[in-house]
């Protein structure tokens, strides 16, 4: 895989099955519960439709025709306030360790700021150490309890960043 052929771009309809497969593959690799996490989200199989609304965006990491990662921004579900959520940020093994997480984070947070959000929220799992390290590096702070109600009750680490 050549670094020059990897691009981060907005999701297209043809990417839907590829990103769903990639996300589920990473979740299985990480031993994530299939219930109470992104694994069972209906949105996973219809990402372009899900994110084709105001103040929402989903970006994929593409290597030619292969989709090797992605992440999105959406208003936080079931929450009154100017808060977005970083959603479904997962990378296949071949995309890790190349600085793509930092680039994706910048792309998502820039979008969130341009969309006018004041804060960005995320949920993750305690054993996703590399992800949590990246989140802390860009300014996310741990919270004592969840915000909103995303339905991801198996995710027990909650973080927030001022934008």
N, C-alpha and C. Protein backbone atom coordinates (compact mmCIF):
# COMPACT_ATOMS: atom_id res chain seq x y z
N UNK A 1 0.85 -1.17 0.00
CA UNK A 1 0.00 0.00 0.00
C UNK A 1 0.90 1.24 0.00
N UNK A 2 0.70 2.07 -0.98
CA UNK A 2 1.49 3.29 -1.12
C UNK A 2 0.74 4.44 -0.47
N UNK A 3 1.44 5.17 0.39
CA UNK A 3 0.83 6.28 1.10
C UNK A 3 0.23 7.32 0.15
N UNK A 4 0.83 7.45 -1.05
CA UNK A 4 0.36 8.45 -2.02
C UNK A 4 -1.00 8.11 -2.61
N UNK A 5 -1.41 6.85 -2.52
CA UNK A 5 -2.70 6.46 -3.11
C UNK A 5 -3.84 6.52 -2.10
N UNK A 6 -3.54 6.83 -0.86
CA UNK A 6 -4.55 6.89 0.18
C UNK A 6 -5.13 8.31 0.26
N UNK A 7 -6.46 8.40 0.24
CA UNK A 7 -7.12 9.70 0.34
C UNK A 7 -8.23 9.62 1.38
N UNK A 8 -8.49 10.76 2.01
CA UNK A 8 -9.64 10.90 2.90
C UNK A 8 -10.63 11.77 2.14
N UNK A 9 -11.83 11.23 1.95
CA UNK A 9 -12.85 11.95 1.17
C UNK A 9 -14.23 11.66 1.75
N UNK A 10 -15.21 12.45 1.30
CA UNK A 10 -16.59 12.19 1.74
C UNK A 10 -17.06 10.86 1.17
N UNK A 11 -17.90 10.21 1.93
CA UNK A 11 -18.44 8.91 1.52
C UNK A 11 -19.30 9.06 0.26
N UNK A 12 -19.28 8.03 -0.57
CA UNK A 12 -20.13 7.94 -1.75
C UNK A 12 -20.97 6.67 -1.63
N UNK A 13 -22.08 6.60 -2.35
CA UNK A 13 -22.99 5.46 -2.26
C UNK A 13 -22.27 4.13 -2.48
N UNK A 14 -21.33 4.09 -3.39
CA UNK A 14 -20.62 2.83 -3.69
C UNK A 14 -19.79 2.34 -2.51
N UNK A 15 -19.52 3.24 -1.54
CA UNK A 15 -18.71 2.89 -0.37
C UNK A 15 -19.52 2.21 0.74
N UNK A 16 -20.85 2.29 0.69
CA UNK A 16 -21.69 1.79 1.78
C UNK A 16 -21.35 0.37 2.21
N UNK A 17 -21.37 -0.62 1.31
CA UNK A 17 -21.07 -1.98 1.77
C UNK A 17 -19.63 -2.16 2.24
N UNK A 18 -18.71 -1.40 1.66
CA UNK A 18 -17.30 -1.53 2.02
C UNK A 18 -17.02 -0.98 3.41
N UNK A 19 -17.61 0.18 3.75
CA UNK A 19 -17.35 0.74 5.08
C UNK A 19 -18.08 -0.08 6.14
N UNK A 20 -19.27 -0.58 5.84
CA UNK A 20 -19.98 -1.43 6.80
C UNK A 20 -19.16 -2.68 7.10
N UNK A 21 -18.61 -3.29 6.06
CA UNK A 21 -17.78 -4.49 6.24
C UNK A 21 -16.52 -4.17 7.04
N UNK A 22 -15.88 -3.04 6.72
CA UNK A 22 -14.65 -2.64 7.42
C UNK A 22 -14.93 -2.40 8.90
N UNK A 23 -15.99 -1.66 9.21
CA UNK A 23 -16.29 -1.35 10.61
C UNK A 23 -16.60 -2.62 11.38
N UNK A 24 -17.44 -3.47 10.82
CA UNK A 24 -17.77 -4.72 11.53
C UNK A 24 -16.54 -5.60 11.71
N UNK A 25 -15.66 -5.60 10.73
CA UNK A 25 -14.43 -6.39 10.83
C UNK A 25 -13.55 -5.89 11.98
N UNK A 26 -13.40 -4.58 12.10
CA UNK A 26 -12.59 -4.00 13.18
C UNK A 26 -13.25 -4.29 14.53
N UNK A 27 -14.56 -4.16 14.60
CA UNK A 27 -15.25 -4.42 15.86
C UNK A 27 -15.07 -5.87 16.30
N UNK A 28 -15.14 -6.80 15.36
CA UNK A 28 -14.91 -8.22 15.69
C UNK A 28 -13.45 -8.42 16.12
N UNK A 29 -12.52 -7.82 15.38
CA UNK A 29 -11.09 -7.92 15.73
C UNK A 29 -10.83 -7.44 17.15
N UNK A 30 -11.50 -6.37 17.55
CA UNK A 30 -11.29 -5.77 18.87
C UNK A 30 -12.09 -6.46 19.98
N UNK A 31 -12.92 -7.42 19.61
CA UNK A 31 -13.71 -8.12 20.61
C UNK A 31 -14.84 -7.29 21.19
N UNK A 32 -15.33 -6.35 20.40
CA UNK A 32 -16.39 -5.45 20.84
C UNK A 32 -17.73 -6.21 20.86
N UNK A 33 -18.55 -5.98 21.89
CA UNK A 33 -19.86 -6.62 21.91
C UNK A 33 -20.67 -6.23 20.67
N UNK A 34 -21.45 -7.16 20.16
CA UNK A 34 -22.26 -6.87 18.97
C UNK A 34 -23.53 -6.10 19.32
N UNK A 35 -23.91 -6.11 20.58
CA UNK A 35 -25.08 -5.35 21.02
C UNK A 35 -24.62 -4.15 21.85
N UNK A 36 -25.36 -3.06 21.70
CA UNK A 36 -25.02 -1.87 22.46
C UNK A 36 -23.82 -1.13 21.92
N UNK A 37 -23.47 -1.41 20.64
CA UNK A 37 -22.34 -0.74 19.99
C UNK A 37 -22.73 -0.43 18.54
N UNK A 38 -21.81 0.17 17.81
CA UNK A 38 -22.04 0.50 16.40
C UNK A 38 -22.31 -0.73 15.55
N UNK A 39 -21.89 -1.91 16.01
CA UNK A 39 -22.05 -3.14 15.22
C UNK A 39 -23.49 -3.34 14.77
N UNK A 40 -24.44 -3.06 15.65
CA UNK A 40 -25.83 -3.32 15.32
C UNK A 40 -26.57 -2.09 14.78
N UNK A 41 -25.89 -0.96 14.60
CA UNK A 41 -26.54 0.24 14.09
C UNK A 41 -27.10 0.02 12.69
N UNK A 42 -28.36 0.37 12.50
CA UNK A 42 -29.00 0.30 11.19
C UNK A 42 -28.24 1.21 10.21
N UNK A 43 -27.74 2.32 10.69
CA UNK A 43 -27.04 3.29 9.85
C UNK A 43 -25.82 2.69 9.15
N UNK A 44 -25.24 1.65 9.71
CA UNK A 44 -24.02 1.06 9.16
C UNK A 44 -24.19 0.60 7.72
N UNK A 45 -25.37 0.16 7.37
CA UNK A 45 -25.61 -0.34 6.02
C UNK A 45 -26.16 0.72 5.07
N UNK A 46 -26.31 1.93 5.56
CA UNK A 46 -26.83 3.02 4.73
C UNK A 46 -26.18 4.35 5.13
N UNK A 47 -24.87 4.34 5.12
CA UNK A 47 -24.11 5.49 5.63
C UNK A 47 -24.34 6.76 4.81
N UNK A 48 -24.38 6.67 3.48
CA UNK A 48 -24.57 7.89 2.70
C UNK A 48 -25.92 8.52 3.01
N UNK A 49 -26.97 7.73 3.14
CA UNK A 49 -28.29 8.26 3.47
C UNK A 49 -28.30 8.84 4.89
N UNK A 50 -27.65 8.16 5.81
CA UNK A 50 -27.61 8.60 7.20
C UNK A 50 -26.93 9.95 7.34
N UNK A 51 -25.85 10.15 6.61
CA UNK A 51 -25.06 11.38 6.77
C UNK A 51 -25.38 12.45 5.72
N UNK A 52 -26.39 12.22 4.90
CA UNK A 52 -26.77 13.19 3.88
C UNK A 52 -27.84 14.13 4.42
N UNK A 53 -27.50 14.80 5.50
CA UNK A 53 -28.39 15.75 6.17
C UNK A 53 -27.56 16.93 6.65
N UNK A 54 -28.22 18.06 6.93
CA UNK A 54 -27.46 19.22 7.42
C UNK A 54 -26.68 18.88 8.70
N UNK A 55 -25.50 19.44 8.81
CA UNK A 55 -24.63 19.30 9.99
C UNK A 55 -24.15 17.87 10.22
N UNK A 56 -24.16 17.05 9.16
CA UNK A 56 -23.66 15.69 9.24
C UNK A 56 -22.69 15.46 8.09
N UNK A 57 -21.66 14.66 8.36
CA UNK A 57 -20.72 14.26 7.31
C UNK A 57 -20.04 12.97 7.73
N UNK A 58 -19.75 12.13 6.74
CA UNK A 58 -18.96 10.93 6.99
C UNK A 58 -17.86 10.88 5.95
N UNK A 59 -16.65 10.62 6.43
CA UNK A 59 -15.47 10.58 5.57
C UNK A 59 -14.88 9.17 5.59
N UNK A 60 -14.37 8.75 4.45
CA UNK A 60 -13.75 7.43 4.35
C UNK A 60 -12.27 7.59 4.01
N UNK A 61 -11.50 6.59 4.42
CA UNK A 61 -10.11 6.48 4.01
C UNK A 61 -10.11 5.48 2.86
N UNK A 62 -9.79 5.98 1.67
CA UNK A 62 -9.82 5.14 0.48
C UNK A 62 -8.40 4.89 -0.02
N UNK A 63 -8.15 3.64 -0.36
CA UNK A 63 -6.89 3.25 -1.01
C UNK A 63 -7.31 2.61 -2.33
N UNK A 64 -7.35 3.43 -3.37
CA UNK A 64 -7.91 2.97 -4.63
C UNK A 64 -9.40 2.70 -4.43
N UNK A 65 -9.83 1.49 -4.78
CA UNK A 65 -11.23 1.11 -4.60
C UNK A 65 -11.52 0.54 -3.22
N UNK A 66 -10.49 0.33 -2.42
CA UNK A 66 -10.67 -0.23 -1.09
C UNK A 66 -10.98 0.86 -0.07
N UNK A 67 -11.89 0.58 0.83
CA UNK A 67 -12.20 1.49 1.95
C UNK A 67 -11.58 0.86 3.19
N UNK A 68 -10.61 1.57 3.78
CA UNK A 68 -9.85 1.01 4.89
C UNK A 68 -10.06 1.74 6.22
N UNK A 69 -11.04 2.64 6.23
CA UNK A 69 -11.36 3.34 7.45
C UNK A 69 -12.38 4.42 7.23
N UNK A 70 -12.82 5.02 8.33
CA UNK A 70 -13.78 6.11 8.21
C UNK A 70 -14.11 6.71 9.56
N UNK A 71 -14.78 7.86 9.51
CA UNK A 71 -15.26 8.55 10.71
C UNK A 71 -16.26 9.62 10.28
N UNK A 72 -17.17 9.96 11.20
CA UNK A 72 -18.18 10.94 10.87
C UNK A 72 -18.51 11.87 12.03
N UNK A 73 -19.26 12.91 11.68
CA UNK A 73 -19.75 13.90 12.63
C UNK A 73 -21.26 14.01 12.44
N UNK A 74 -21.97 14.05 13.56
CA UNK A 74 -23.42 14.20 13.54
C UNK A 74 -23.85 14.88 14.83
N UNK A 75 -24.98 15.61 14.80
CA UNK A 75 -25.48 16.14 16.07
C UNK A 75 -25.68 15.00 17.06
N UNK A 76 -25.38 15.24 18.32
CA UNK A 76 -25.53 14.21 19.35
C UNK A 76 -27.00 13.86 19.54
N UNK A 77 -27.31 12.57 19.43
CA UNK A 77 -28.69 12.09 19.56
C UNK A 77 -29.24 12.31 20.95
N UNK A 78 -30.49 12.72 20.99
CA UNK A 78 -31.23 12.86 22.25
C UNK A 78 -30.54 13.80 23.24
N UNK A 79 -30.05 14.91 22.71
CA UNK A 79 -29.37 15.89 23.54
C UNK A 79 -29.74 17.29 23.08
N UNK A 80 -30.12 18.14 24.01
CA UNK A 80 -30.42 19.54 23.68
C UNK A 80 -29.17 20.35 23.96
N UNK A 81 -28.61 20.89 22.93
CA UNK A 81 -27.38 21.67 23.07
C UNK A 81 -26.60 21.60 21.79
N UNK A 82 -25.60 22.43 21.69
CA UNK A 82 -24.82 22.57 20.46
C UNK A 82 -23.62 21.62 20.48
N UNK A 83 -23.92 20.32 20.54
CA UNK A 83 -22.89 19.29 20.67
C UNK A 83 -23.02 18.30 19.52
N UNK A 84 -21.90 18.00 18.89
CA UNK A 84 -21.88 16.95 17.88
C UNK A 84 -21.21 15.72 18.47
N UNK A 85 -21.29 14.63 17.72
CA UNK A 85 -20.64 13.39 18.15
C UNK A 85 -19.71 12.92 17.04
N UNK A 86 -18.51 12.54 17.43
CA UNK A 86 -17.60 11.85 16.52
C UNK A 86 -18.08 10.41 16.48
N UNK A 87 -18.40 9.92 15.29
CA UNK A 87 -19.04 8.62 15.17
C UNK A 87 -18.28 7.67 14.26
N UNK A 88 -18.34 6.42 14.62
CA UNK A 88 -17.88 5.32 13.76
C UNK A 88 -16.49 5.57 13.18
N UNK A 89 -15.54 5.90 14.06
CA UNK A 89 -14.16 6.09 13.64
C UNK A 89 -13.41 4.77 13.84
N UNK A 90 -13.21 4.08 12.74
CA UNK A 90 -12.55 2.78 12.75
C UNK A 90 -11.61 2.67 11.56
N UNK A 91 -10.49 1.97 11.78
CA UNK A 91 -9.48 1.79 10.74
C UNK A 91 -9.06 0.33 10.66
N UNK A 92 -8.99 -0.18 9.45
CA UNK A 92 -8.49 -1.53 9.22
C UNK A 92 -7.01 -1.57 9.62
N UNK A 93 -6.48 -2.76 9.94
CA UNK A 93 -5.07 -2.85 10.36
C UNK A 93 -4.09 -2.18 9.39
N UNK A 94 -4.33 -2.30 8.10
CA UNK A 94 -3.40 -1.72 7.12
C UNK A 94 -3.42 -0.18 7.09
N UNK A 95 -4.40 0.42 7.74
CA UNK A 95 -4.49 1.89 7.79
C UNK A 95 -3.88 2.46 9.07
N UNK A 96 -3.52 1.60 10.00
CA UNK A 96 -3.04 2.07 11.30
C UNK A 96 -1.54 2.37 11.27
N UNK A 97 -1.14 3.31 12.14
CA UNK A 97 0.27 3.64 12.28
C UNK A 97 0.84 4.48 11.16
N UNK A 98 -0.01 5.12 10.39
CA UNK A 98 0.42 5.93 9.25
C UNK A 98 0.04 7.40 9.39
N UNK A 99 -0.49 7.77 10.56
CA UNK A 99 -0.90 9.15 10.77
C UNK A 99 -2.29 9.45 10.23
N UNK A 100 -2.99 8.44 9.74
CA UNK A 100 -4.31 8.67 9.16
C UNK A 100 -5.35 9.03 10.23
N UNK A 101 -5.19 8.51 11.43
CA UNK A 101 -6.12 8.85 12.51
C UNK A 101 -6.07 10.34 12.82
N UNK A 102 -4.88 10.90 12.88
CA UNK A 102 -4.74 12.33 13.13
C UNK A 102 -5.33 13.16 12.00
N UNK A 103 -5.08 12.72 10.76
CA UNK A 103 -5.64 13.44 9.61
C UNK A 103 -7.15 13.37 9.59
N UNK A 104 -7.69 12.19 9.90
CA UNK A 104 -9.14 12.03 9.93
C UNK A 104 -9.73 12.87 11.05
N UNK A 105 -9.08 12.89 12.20
CA UNK A 105 -9.57 13.67 13.33
C UNK A 105 -9.63 15.15 12.94
N UNK A 106 -8.60 15.65 12.29
CA UNK A 106 -8.58 17.05 11.86
C UNK A 106 -9.73 17.32 10.89
N UNK A 107 -9.91 16.43 9.93
CA UNK A 107 -10.98 16.59 8.94
C UNK A 107 -12.35 16.66 9.64
N UNK A 108 -12.60 15.76 10.56
CA UNK A 108 -13.87 15.72 11.27
C UNK A 108 -14.08 16.94 12.17
N UNK A 109 -13.05 17.30 12.92
CA UNK A 109 -13.19 18.44 13.84
C UNK A 109 -13.30 19.76 13.07
N UNK A 110 -12.61 19.87 11.93
CA UNK A 110 -12.77 21.06 11.09
C UNK A 110 -14.20 21.16 10.58
N UNK A 111 -14.77 20.03 10.15
CA UNK A 111 -16.16 20.03 9.70
C UNK A 111 -17.08 20.45 10.85
N UNK A 112 -16.86 19.90 12.03
CA UNK A 112 -17.71 20.21 13.19
C UNK A 112 -17.68 21.71 13.51
N UNK A 113 -16.49 22.30 13.45
CA UNK A 113 -16.37 23.74 13.71
C UNK A 113 -17.12 24.53 12.64
N UNK A 114 -16.93 24.16 11.37
CA UNK A 114 -17.60 24.86 10.26
C UNK A 114 -19.11 24.71 10.34
N UNK A 115 -19.58 23.59 10.87
CA UNK A 115 -21.02 23.36 11.04
C UNK A 115 -21.58 24.13 12.22
N UNK A 116 -20.70 24.74 13.02
CA UNK A 116 -21.14 25.61 14.11
C UNK A 116 -21.30 24.94 15.46
N UNK A 117 -20.79 23.73 15.62
CA UNK A 117 -20.89 23.06 16.92
C UNK A 117 -19.93 23.69 17.92
N UNK A 118 -20.31 23.68 19.20
CA UNK A 118 -19.47 24.22 20.27
C UNK A 118 -18.61 23.14 20.93
N UNK A 119 -19.10 21.90 20.92
CA UNK A 119 -18.40 20.79 21.57
C UNK A 119 -18.53 19.54 20.72
N UNK A 120 -17.57 18.64 20.89
CA UNK A 120 -17.62 17.34 20.23
C UNK A 120 -17.52 16.25 21.29
N UNK A 121 -18.43 15.31 21.23
CA UNK A 121 -18.57 14.21 22.19
C UNK A 121 -18.21 12.91 21.48
N UNK A 122 -17.72 11.94 22.23
CA UNK A 122 -17.51 10.61 21.67
C UNK A 122 -17.66 9.56 22.75
N UNK A 123 -17.93 8.35 22.30
CA UNK A 123 -18.00 7.19 23.18
C UNK A 123 -17.06 6.13 22.64
N UNK A 124 -16.39 5.44 23.55
CA UNK A 124 -15.47 4.39 23.14
C UNK A 124 -15.43 3.32 24.24
N UNK A 125 -14.52 2.41 24.08
CA UNK A 125 -14.37 1.32 25.05
C UNK A 125 -13.03 1.46 25.77
N UNK A 126 -12.96 1.01 27.02
CA UNK A 126 -11.76 1.22 27.82
C UNK A 126 -10.51 0.54 27.27
N UNK A 127 -10.66 -0.52 26.50
CA UNK A 127 -9.49 -1.22 25.99
C UNK A 127 -9.04 -0.75 24.61
N UNK A 128 -9.68 0.27 24.07
CA UNK A 128 -9.24 0.84 22.79
C UNK A 128 -8.20 1.92 23.09
N UNK A 129 -7.03 1.47 23.53
CA UNK A 129 -5.98 2.36 24.02
C UNK A 129 -5.46 3.33 22.97
N UNK A 130 -5.18 2.86 21.77
CA UNK A 130 -4.64 3.75 20.74
C UNK A 130 -5.64 4.85 20.39
N UNK A 131 -6.91 4.48 20.31
CA UNK A 131 -7.94 5.48 20.00
C UNK A 131 -8.02 6.52 21.11
N UNK A 132 -8.05 6.05 22.36
CA UNK A 132 -8.15 6.99 23.47
C UNK A 132 -6.93 7.91 23.54
N UNK A 133 -5.77 7.38 23.20
CA UNK A 133 -4.54 8.18 23.18
C UNK A 133 -4.66 9.30 22.13
N UNK A 134 -5.18 8.96 20.95
CA UNK A 134 -5.38 9.97 19.90
C UNK A 134 -6.40 11.01 20.36
N UNK A 135 -7.49 10.57 20.96
CA UNK A 135 -8.52 11.52 21.40
C UNK A 135 -7.96 12.50 22.43
N UNK A 136 -7.18 11.98 23.39
CA UNK A 136 -6.57 12.86 24.40
C UNK A 136 -5.59 13.83 23.74
N UNK A 137 -4.85 13.35 22.77
CA UNK A 137 -3.84 14.17 22.08
C UNK A 137 -4.47 15.40 21.42
N UNK A 138 -5.69 15.25 20.91
CA UNK A 138 -6.34 16.38 20.24
C UNK A 138 -7.24 17.19 21.18
N UNK A 139 -7.24 16.84 22.48
CA UNK A 139 -7.93 17.68 23.45
C UNK A 139 -9.21 17.14 24.05
N UNK A 140 -9.57 15.90 23.76
CA UNK A 140 -10.75 15.32 24.41
C UNK A 140 -10.43 15.03 25.88
N UNK A 141 -11.41 15.28 26.74
CA UNK A 141 -11.29 15.02 28.17
C UNK A 141 -12.36 14.00 28.58
N UNK A 142 -12.01 13.15 29.54
CA UNK A 142 -12.95 12.15 30.03
C UNK A 142 -14.11 12.79 30.78
N UNK A 143 -15.27 12.16 30.66
CA UNK A 143 -16.47 12.56 31.38
C UNK A 143 -16.83 11.46 32.38
N UNK A 144 -17.60 11.83 33.39
CA UNK A 144 -18.04 10.88 34.41
C UNK A 144 -19.22 10.04 33.96
N UNK A 145 -20.02 10.57 33.04
CA UNK A 145 -21.21 9.87 32.58
C UNK A 145 -21.50 10.25 31.13
N UNK A 146 -22.34 9.47 30.46
CA UNK A 146 -22.63 9.77 29.06
C UNK A 146 -23.52 11.00 28.90
N UNK A 147 -23.47 11.56 27.69
CA UNK A 147 -24.35 12.65 27.30
C UNK A 147 -25.30 12.12 26.24
N UNK A 148 -26.51 12.67 26.19
CA UNK A 148 -27.47 12.21 25.20
C UNK A 148 -27.81 10.76 25.42
N UNK A 149 -28.31 10.11 24.36
CA UNK A 149 -28.61 8.69 24.43
C UNK A 149 -28.38 8.11 23.04
N UNK A 150 -27.19 7.59 22.82
CA UNK A 150 -26.82 7.07 21.51
C UNK A 150 -27.26 5.62 21.31
N UNK A 151 -27.63 4.96 22.39
CA UNK A 151 -27.97 3.55 22.30
C UNK A 151 -26.77 2.63 22.42
N UNK A 152 -25.59 3.21 22.55
CA UNK A 152 -24.35 2.42 22.66
C UNK A 152 -24.02 2.20 24.13
N UNK A 153 -24.87 1.48 24.81
CA UNK A 153 -24.71 1.28 26.25
C UNK A 153 -23.51 0.42 26.62
N UNK A 154 -22.92 -0.28 25.65
CA UNK A 154 -21.72 -1.07 25.95
C UNK A 154 -20.45 -0.22 25.94
N UNK A 155 -20.55 0.98 25.40
CA UNK A 155 -19.40 1.90 25.40
C UNK A 155 -19.38 2.63 26.75
N UNK A 156 -18.32 2.44 27.51
CA UNK A 156 -18.29 2.94 28.88
C UNK A 156 -17.25 4.04 29.12
N UNK A 157 -16.68 4.56 28.03
CA UNK A 157 -15.76 5.70 28.14
C UNK A 157 -16.38 6.82 27.32
N UNK A 158 -16.57 7.98 27.98
CA UNK A 158 -17.20 9.13 27.35
C UNK A 158 -16.22 10.28 27.40
N UNK A 159 -16.11 11.01 26.28
CA UNK A 159 -15.15 12.11 26.21
C UNK A 159 -15.78 13.32 25.51
N UNK A 160 -15.26 14.50 25.83
CA UNK A 160 -15.78 15.74 25.27
C UNK A 160 -14.63 16.68 24.96
N UNK A 161 -14.78 17.42 23.88
CA UNK A 161 -13.77 18.42 23.48
C UNK A 161 -14.49 19.71 23.14
N UNK A 162 -13.96 20.84 23.62
CA UNK A 162 -14.44 22.15 23.21
C UNK A 162 -13.90 22.44 21.82
N UNK A 163 -14.76 22.98 20.97
CA UNK A 163 -14.31 23.27 19.59
C UNK A 163 -13.93 24.73 19.41
